[in-house]
N, C-alpha and C. Protein backbone atom coordinates (compact mmCIF):
# COMPACT_ATOMS: atom_id res chain seq x y z
N MET A 1 85.66 37.98 -234.76
CA MET A 1 84.88 38.43 -233.88
C MET A 1 83.29 38.58 -234.82
N SER A 2 82.43 38.20 -234.08
CA SER A 2 81.14 37.89 -234.44
C SER A 2 79.86 39.01 -234.15
N THR A 3 79.12 39.12 -234.90
CA THR A 3 78.04 40.01 -234.56
C THR A 3 76.81 39.57 -233.45
N PHE A 4 76.70 40.32 -232.52
CA PHE A 4 75.67 39.50 -231.18
C PHE A 4 74.50 39.98 -232.08
N MET A 5 73.55 38.42 -231.75
CA MET A 5 72.16 38.27 -231.97
C MET A 5 71.53 37.97 -230.75
N ALA A 6 70.30 38.75 -230.50
CA ALA A 6 69.52 38.56 -229.39
C ALA A 6 68.73 37.42 -229.55
N ASN A 7 68.50 36.59 -228.78
CA ASN A 7 67.49 35.66 -228.47
C ASN A 7 66.96 35.38 -227.18
N LYS A 8 65.90 34.55 -227.14
CA LYS A 8 65.40 34.27 -225.52
C LYS A 8 66.54 33.84 -224.60
N GLY A 9 67.67 33.08 -225.16
CA GLY A 9 68.72 32.66 -224.43
C GLY A 9 69.15 33.49 -223.84
N ASN A 10 69.72 34.35 -224.39
CA ASN A 10 70.87 35.48 -223.65
C ASN A 10 70.06 36.98 -223.32
N ILE A 11 68.85 36.90 -223.53
CA ILE A 11 68.21 38.33 -222.92
C ILE A 11 68.16 38.47 -221.52
N VAL A 12 68.86 39.54 -221.08
CA VAL A 12 68.57 39.75 -219.49
C VAL A 12 67.50 40.89 -219.06
N ARG A 13 66.18 40.64 -218.68
CA ARG A 13 65.08 41.44 -218.44
C ARG A 13 65.26 42.25 -217.18
N LYS A 14 64.96 43.64 -217.23
CA LYS A 14 65.19 44.06 -216.13
C LYS A 14 63.75 44.99 -215.54
N TRP A 15 63.29 45.34 -214.53
CA TRP A 15 62.13 46.17 -214.21
C TRP A 15 62.31 47.65 -214.39
N TYR A 16 61.29 48.60 -214.69
CA TYR A 16 61.68 49.91 -214.56
C TYR A 16 60.36 50.42 -214.09
N ILE A 17 60.42 51.72 -213.48
CA ILE A 17 59.13 52.44 -212.73
C ILE A 17 59.16 53.71 -213.47
N LEU A 18 58.15 54.08 -214.18
CA LEU A 18 57.79 55.02 -214.85
C LEU A 18 56.84 55.86 -214.03
N ASP A 19 57.14 57.24 -213.32
CA ASP A 19 55.99 57.73 -212.83
C ASP A 19 55.76 58.81 -213.84
N ALA A 20 54.01 58.80 -213.88
CA ALA A 20 53.29 59.77 -214.87
C ALA A 20 52.79 60.95 -214.13
N ALA A 21 53.17 61.19 -213.11
CA ALA A 21 52.50 62.30 -212.40
C ALA A 21 52.94 63.65 -212.82
N GLY A 22 52.03 64.25 -213.28
CA GLY A 22 52.35 65.86 -214.09
C GLY A 22 53.04 65.57 -215.43
N VAL A 23 53.50 64.50 -216.07
CA VAL A 23 54.15 64.14 -217.43
C VAL A 23 53.15 64.05 -218.36
N PRO A 24 53.37 64.67 -219.34
CA PRO A 24 52.53 64.21 -220.76
C PRO A 24 52.33 63.14 -220.97
N LEU A 25 51.02 62.36 -221.04
CA LEU A 25 50.84 61.35 -221.31
C LEU A 25 51.46 60.37 -222.83
N GLY A 26 51.80 61.31 -223.42
CA GLY A 26 52.75 60.80 -224.50
C GLY A 26 53.96 60.90 -224.40
N LYS A 27 54.47 61.40 -223.70
CA LYS A 27 56.13 61.47 -223.32
C LYS A 27 56.00 60.35 -222.53
N THR A 28 55.31 59.79 -221.55
CA THR A 28 55.28 58.54 -220.78
C THR A 28 55.25 57.05 -221.39
N ALA A 29 54.23 57.72 -222.61
CA ALA A 29 53.81 56.07 -223.30
C ALA A 29 55.08 55.98 -224.40
N ALA A 30 55.66 57.13 -224.68
CA ALA A 30 56.99 56.78 -225.69
C ALA A 30 58.21 56.43 -224.78
N THR A 31 58.50 56.89 -223.72
CA THR A 31 59.57 56.12 -223.10
C THR A 31 59.18 54.74 -222.48
N ALA A 32 57.55 54.56 -222.09
CA ALA A 32 57.25 53.17 -222.03
C ALA A 32 57.23 52.13 -223.14
N ALA A 33 57.18 52.91 -224.41
CA ALA A 33 57.35 51.98 -225.40
C ALA A 33 58.90 51.87 -225.76
N THR A 34 59.90 52.49 -225.63
CA THR A 34 61.35 52.40 -226.13
C THR A 34 61.85 51.55 -224.89
N LEU A 35 61.21 51.32 -223.83
CA LEU A 35 61.83 50.39 -222.63
C LEU A 35 61.44 49.25 -223.02
N LEU A 36 60.08 48.92 -223.50
CA LEU A 36 59.44 47.73 -223.46
C LEU A 36 59.59 46.95 -225.17
N ARG A 37 60.42 47.86 -225.89
CA ARG A 37 61.05 47.51 -227.17
C ARG A 37 62.75 47.10 -226.68
N GLY A 38 63.35 47.65 -225.92
CA GLY A 38 64.58 47.00 -225.55
C GLY A 38 65.57 48.21 -226.50
N LYS A 39 65.05 49.44 -227.05
CA LYS A 39 65.70 49.83 -227.85
C LYS A 39 67.11 50.94 -227.23
N HIS A 40 66.63 50.91 -225.44
CA HIS A 40 68.11 51.59 -224.98
C HIS A 40 69.16 50.82 -224.64
N LYS A 41 68.89 49.24 -224.85
CA LYS A 41 70.52 48.76 -224.78
C LYS A 41 71.10 48.67 -225.64
N PRO A 42 72.28 48.56 -225.46
CA PRO A 42 73.25 48.28 -226.90
C PRO A 42 73.02 47.03 -227.79
N GLU A 43 72.65 45.95 -226.91
CA GLU A 43 72.38 44.59 -227.84
C GLU A 43 71.15 44.59 -228.20
N PHE A 44 70.38 45.47 -228.69
CA PHE A 44 68.75 45.65 -229.26
C PHE A 44 69.22 44.84 -230.71
N THR A 45 68.21 44.01 -230.97
CA THR A 45 68.07 43.32 -232.11
C THR A 45 66.78 43.74 -232.58
N PRO A 46 66.41 44.38 -233.73
CA PRO A 46 65.07 44.78 -234.24
C PRO A 46 63.81 43.30 -234.25
N HIS A 47 64.50 42.14 -234.59
CA HIS A 47 63.23 41.21 -234.84
C HIS A 47 63.39 40.17 -233.47
N ALA A 48 64.16 40.72 -232.69
CA ALA A 48 64.19 39.80 -231.32
C ALA A 48 63.37 40.51 -230.42
N ASP A 49 62.54 40.02 -229.17
CA ASP A 49 61.88 40.68 -228.18
C ASP A 49 62.98 40.87 -227.04
N CYS A 50 63.51 41.96 -226.85
CA CYS A 50 64.85 42.03 -225.95
C CYS A 50 64.18 42.84 -224.77
N GLY A 51 63.31 43.75 -224.72
CA GLY A 51 62.64 44.59 -224.04
C GLY A 51 62.69 44.48 -222.29
N ASP A 52 62.20 45.38 -221.67
CA ASP A 52 62.17 45.03 -220.39
C ASP A 52 60.96 45.28 -219.93
N PHE A 53 60.76 44.81 -218.61
CA PHE A 53 59.48 45.03 -217.69
C PHE A 53 59.11 46.40 -217.50
N VAL A 54 58.10 47.16 -217.53
CA VAL A 54 57.62 48.61 -217.40
C VAL A 54 56.62 48.32 -216.53
N ILE A 55 56.61 49.52 -215.42
CA ILE A 55 55.44 49.65 -214.42
C ILE A 55 55.56 50.93 -214.29
N VAL A 56 54.07 51.84 -214.47
CA VAL A 56 53.82 52.98 -214.78
C VAL A 56 52.81 53.16 -213.57
N ILE A 57 53.24 53.93 -212.81
CA ILE A 57 52.43 54.50 -211.74
C ILE A 57 51.64 55.85 -211.76
N ASN A 58 51.06 56.29 -211.37
CA ASN A 58 50.10 57.73 -211.10
C ASN A 58 49.67 57.98 -212.51
N ALA A 59 48.95 56.73 -213.02
CA ALA A 59 48.43 56.82 -214.53
C ALA A 59 46.98 58.16 -214.39
N GLU A 60 46.47 58.10 -213.23
CA GLU A 60 45.73 59.09 -213.41
C GLU A 60 46.04 60.42 -213.06
N LYS A 61 47.43 60.56 -213.01
CA LYS A 61 47.90 62.00 -212.49
C LYS A 61 48.59 62.46 -214.34
N ALA A 62 48.45 61.74 -214.98
CA ALA A 62 49.30 61.90 -216.42
C ALA A 62 48.41 63.15 -217.02
N VAL A 63 48.82 64.22 -217.89
CA VAL A 63 48.59 65.36 -218.52
C VAL A 63 48.57 65.23 -219.87
N LEU A 64 47.14 65.86 -220.48
CA LEU A 64 46.99 65.90 -221.68
C LEU A 64 47.13 67.44 -221.99
N THR A 65 47.81 67.87 -222.72
CA THR A 65 48.26 69.17 -223.09
C THR A 65 47.05 69.73 -224.32
N GLY A 66 47.13 70.72 -224.22
CA GLY A 66 46.21 71.72 -224.98
C GLY A 66 44.86 71.43 -224.81
N ASN A 67 44.05 71.14 -225.63
CA ASN A 67 42.58 70.77 -225.50
C ASN A 67 42.20 69.52 -225.58
N LYS A 68 43.17 68.52 -225.52
CA LYS A 68 43.02 67.23 -225.83
C LYS A 68 41.86 66.24 -224.93
N MET A 69 41.63 67.18 -223.65
CA MET A 69 40.74 66.31 -223.05
C MET A 69 39.12 66.56 -223.31
N GLU A 70 39.12 67.62 -224.26
CA GLU A 70 37.51 67.95 -224.68
C GLU A 70 37.63 67.67 -225.93
N GLN A 71 38.72 67.37 -226.94
CA GLN A 71 38.77 67.24 -228.38
C GLN A 71 38.88 65.86 -228.68
N LYS A 72 39.56 65.26 -227.80
CA LYS A 72 40.15 63.82 -228.31
C LYS A 72 38.94 62.84 -227.91
N TYR A 73 38.87 61.84 -228.84
CA TYR A 73 38.32 60.77 -228.50
C TYR A 73 38.81 59.50 -228.47
N TYR A 74 38.15 58.40 -227.40
CA TYR A 74 38.82 56.98 -227.84
C TYR A 74 37.48 56.40 -228.39
N ARG A 75 38.20 55.74 -229.61
CA ARG A 75 36.66 54.91 -230.42
C ARG A 75 37.08 53.61 -230.23
N THR A 76 35.97 52.84 -230.30
CA THR A 76 35.92 51.19 -230.75
C THR A 76 34.85 51.40 -231.34
N HIS A 77 34.84 50.05 -232.46
CA HIS A 77 33.79 49.94 -233.22
C HIS A 77 33.75 48.42 -233.21
N SER A 78 32.45 48.10 -233.25
CA SER A 78 31.97 46.44 -233.12
C SER A 78 32.03 45.77 -234.37
N GLY A 79 32.05 46.32 -235.35
CA GLY A 79 32.17 45.85 -236.93
C GLY A 79 31.02 45.81 -237.34
N TYR A 80 29.77 46.33 -236.76
CA TYR A 80 28.20 46.09 -236.85
C TYR A 80 28.11 47.48 -237.57
N VAL A 81 26.85 47.73 -238.18
CA VAL A 81 26.50 48.94 -239.01
C VAL A 81 26.33 50.05 -237.47
N GLY A 82 26.82 51.28 -237.23
CA GLY A 82 25.82 52.13 -236.10
C GLY A 82 26.95 51.19 -234.93
N GLY A 83 28.17 50.46 -235.22
CA GLY A 83 28.55 50.29 -233.88
C GLY A 83 29.65 50.71 -233.44
N LEU A 84 29.56 52.08 -233.30
CA LEU A 84 30.95 53.20 -233.18
C LEU A 84 30.63 53.51 -231.83
N LYS A 85 31.31 53.49 -230.77
CA LYS A 85 31.23 53.89 -229.41
C LYS A 85 32.46 55.01 -229.49
N GLU A 86 32.41 56.37 -229.03
CA GLU A 86 32.93 57.27 -228.79
C GLU A 86 33.06 57.54 -227.25
N THR A 87 34.15 57.93 -226.48
CA THR A 87 34.46 58.48 -225.22
C THR A 87 35.31 59.63 -225.05
N LYS A 88 35.24 60.67 -224.37
CA LYS A 88 36.03 61.68 -224.43
C LYS A 88 37.03 61.38 -223.77
N TYR A 89 38.56 61.98 -223.92
CA TYR A 89 39.62 61.31 -223.02
C TYR A 89 39.39 62.12 -221.44
N ARG A 90 38.42 63.24 -221.49
CA ARG A 90 38.36 63.68 -220.13
C ARG A 90 37.48 62.35 -219.04
N LEU A 91 36.57 61.90 -219.84
CA LEU A 91 36.21 60.87 -218.84
C LEU A 91 36.88 59.69 -218.76
N LEU A 92 37.45 59.25 -220.08
CA LEU A 92 38.43 58.38 -219.97
C LEU A 92 39.55 58.28 -218.81
N MET A 93 40.01 59.45 -218.64
CA MET A 93 41.08 59.79 -217.88
C MET A 93 40.38 59.89 -216.26
N GLN A 94 39.34 59.97 -216.17
CA GLN A 94 38.50 60.03 -214.68
C GLN A 94 38.15 58.54 -214.42
N ASN A 95 37.80 57.40 -215.42
CA ASN A 95 36.98 56.43 -215.06
C ASN A 95 38.20 55.34 -215.35
N LYS A 96 39.01 55.27 -216.36
CA LYS A 96 39.83 54.26 -216.76
C LYS A 96 41.46 54.89 -217.41
N PRO A 97 42.13 55.42 -216.44
CA PRO A 97 43.72 55.89 -217.23
C PRO A 97 44.10 54.89 -217.30
N GLU A 98 43.99 53.60 -216.84
CA GLU A 98 45.31 52.77 -217.14
C GLU A 98 44.71 52.13 -218.72
N LEU A 99 43.64 52.35 -219.09
CA LEU A 99 43.14 51.95 -220.81
C LEU A 99 43.77 53.32 -221.22
N ALA A 100 43.74 54.44 -221.01
CA ALA A 100 44.34 55.45 -221.69
C ALA A 100 45.84 55.32 -221.98
N MET A 101 46.58 55.01 -220.83
CA MET A 101 47.94 54.69 -221.04
C MET A 101 48.24 53.54 -221.98
N LYS A 102 47.31 52.35 -221.84
CA LYS A 102 48.02 50.94 -222.76
C LYS A 102 47.45 51.44 -223.91
N VAL A 103 46.66 52.13 -224.57
CA VAL A 103 46.03 52.49 -225.63
C VAL A 103 47.39 53.54 -226.33
N ALA A 104 47.89 54.22 -225.26
CA ALA A 104 49.02 55.41 -226.08
C ALA A 104 50.14 54.55 -226.58
N VAL A 105 50.45 53.67 -225.27
CA VAL A 105 51.87 52.65 -225.74
C VAL A 105 51.62 51.69 -226.79
N ARG A 106 50.52 51.52 -226.83
CA ARG A 106 50.10 50.46 -228.08
C ARG A 106 50.49 50.84 -229.45
N GLY A 107 50.06 52.32 -229.54
CA GLY A 107 49.89 53.01 -230.80
C GLY A 107 51.68 52.95 -230.87
N MET A 108 52.69 53.28 -229.97
CA MET A 108 53.86 53.42 -230.43
C MET A 108 54.86 52.32 -230.54
N LEU A 109 54.19 50.99 -230.28
CA LEU A 109 54.93 49.74 -230.69
C LEU A 109 54.94 49.13 -232.02
N PRO A 110 55.42 48.39 -232.68
CA PRO A 110 55.23 48.10 -233.70
C PRO A 110 54.07 47.08 -234.09
N LYS A 111 53.56 46.99 -235.10
CA LYS A 111 52.32 46.18 -235.43
C LYS A 111 52.72 44.93 -235.86
N ASN A 112 53.27 44.20 -234.97
CA ASN A 112 53.54 42.88 -235.11
C ASN A 112 53.37 42.08 -233.66
N THR A 113 53.71 40.55 -233.89
CA THR A 113 53.59 40.06 -232.26
C THR A 113 54.68 40.23 -231.20
N ILE A 114 55.71 40.91 -231.92
CA ILE A 114 56.60 41.64 -230.87
C ILE A 114 55.67 42.59 -229.85
N ALA A 115 54.89 43.45 -230.37
CA ALA A 115 54.19 44.23 -229.95
C ALA A 115 53.02 43.71 -228.69
N LYS A 116 52.66 42.36 -229.01
CA LYS A 116 51.78 41.68 -228.26
C LYS A 116 52.68 41.04 -227.20
N ASP A 117 53.58 40.65 -227.62
CA ASP A 117 54.45 40.03 -226.14
C ASP A 117 54.93 41.19 -225.22
N SER A 118 55.61 42.55 -225.89
CA SER A 118 56.03 43.32 -225.01
C SER A 118 54.47 43.89 -224.24
N LEU A 119 53.45 43.84 -224.56
CA LEU A 119 52.54 44.39 -223.94
C LEU A 119 52.06 43.86 -222.68
N THR A 120 52.77 42.56 -222.86
CA THR A 120 52.10 41.82 -221.36
C THR A 120 53.14 42.06 -220.40
N ARG A 121 54.52 42.74 -220.72
CA ARG A 121 55.27 43.03 -219.97
C ARG A 121 54.91 44.87 -219.43
N LEU A 122 53.73 45.47 -219.99
CA LEU A 122 53.71 46.57 -219.29
C LEU A 122 52.63 46.51 -218.47
N LYS A 123 52.97 46.86 -217.13
CA LYS A 123 52.24 46.93 -215.76
C LYS A 123 51.71 48.69 -215.25
N ILE A 124 50.56 48.84 -215.47
CA ILE A 124 49.84 49.79 -215.28
C ILE A 124 49.18 50.47 -214.15
N PHE A 125 49.07 51.39 -213.21
CA PHE A 125 48.68 51.46 -211.88
C PHE A 125 48.15 52.75 -211.81
N ARG A 126 46.79 53.05 -211.13
CA ARG A 126 45.96 54.26 -211.40
C ARG A 126 46.84 55.13 -210.04
N GLY A 127 47.36 54.37 -209.06
CA GLY A 127 47.79 55.64 -208.02
C GLY A 127 49.30 55.02 -208.08
N ALA A 128 50.07 55.43 -206.71
CA ALA A 128 51.54 55.36 -206.28
C ALA A 128 51.68 54.29 -206.05
N GLU A 129 50.95 53.19 -205.41
CA GLU A 129 51.48 51.83 -205.01
C GLU A 129 51.17 50.72 -206.30
N HIS A 130 52.11 50.04 -205.92
CA HIS A 130 52.21 48.62 -207.13
C HIS A 130 52.40 47.66 -206.31
N LYS A 131 52.06 46.11 -206.84
CA LYS A 131 52.34 45.04 -206.19
C LYS A 131 53.49 44.48 -206.63
N HIS A 132 54.69 44.99 -207.45
CA HIS A 132 55.99 44.23 -207.83
C HIS A 132 57.14 44.70 -207.02
N ALA A 133 56.91 45.08 -206.08
CA ALA A 133 58.20 45.21 -204.70
C ALA A 133 59.10 44.36 -204.80
N ALA A 134 58.69 42.99 -205.03
CA ALA A 134 59.61 41.95 -204.76
C ALA A 134 60.67 41.44 -206.31
N GLN A 135 60.10 42.22 -207.45
CA GLN A 135 61.25 42.41 -208.66
C GLN A 135 62.27 43.28 -208.59
N MET A 136 62.12 44.51 -207.72
CA MET A 136 63.17 45.32 -207.28
C MET A 136 63.36 46.30 -208.63
N PRO A 137 62.20 46.93 -208.85
CA PRO A 137 62.54 47.73 -210.16
C PRO A 137 63.20 49.13 -209.73
N GLU A 138 63.73 49.36 -210.75
CA GLU A 138 64.63 50.80 -211.06
C GLU A 138 63.78 51.92 -211.37
N ALA A 139 64.03 52.83 -210.67
CA ALA A 139 63.15 54.33 -211.16
C ALA A 139 63.72 54.53 -212.49
N TRP A 140 63.10 54.88 -213.78
CA TRP A 140 63.71 55.51 -214.74
C TRP A 140 63.34 57.03 -214.79
N THR A 141 64.08 57.81 -214.76
CA THR A 141 64.07 59.28 -214.69
C THR A 141 64.25 59.89 -216.13
N ALA A 142 64.89 59.13 -217.03
CA ALA A 142 65.28 60.22 -218.27
C ALA A 142 64.31 60.05 -219.29
N TYR A 143 63.47 61.18 -219.08
CA TYR A 143 62.09 61.20 -220.13
C TYR A 143 62.88 62.21 -221.35
């Protein structure tokens, strides 16, 4: 008997839907990162990209617990002196909730090329409608 090693030829990818309405942002992001990485599969291989597609709906209804809406900042820096831009999560969740979810998921993935490939399979939508009905996604309820 030989050890199974996942590669591009033998990976079967499924589509899952995560509903973020009323669920903490971090809990949704952690579940999405697990599905994107493929850690829920018995044939998980750490050095191979064997994850699934994830659709996150109702990103604008995700909850931030505690005082994170006022105290947490999304920061970007241009690399130049004085190039720091800060946005409170209250404004970020109002204007770009998809970005807030994507940043949270990206922080929970490994810092290598597998994360870059995994993020291409993440689809985030502000409301309850999505355009991937043809892929017949399954609802993931185990948070």
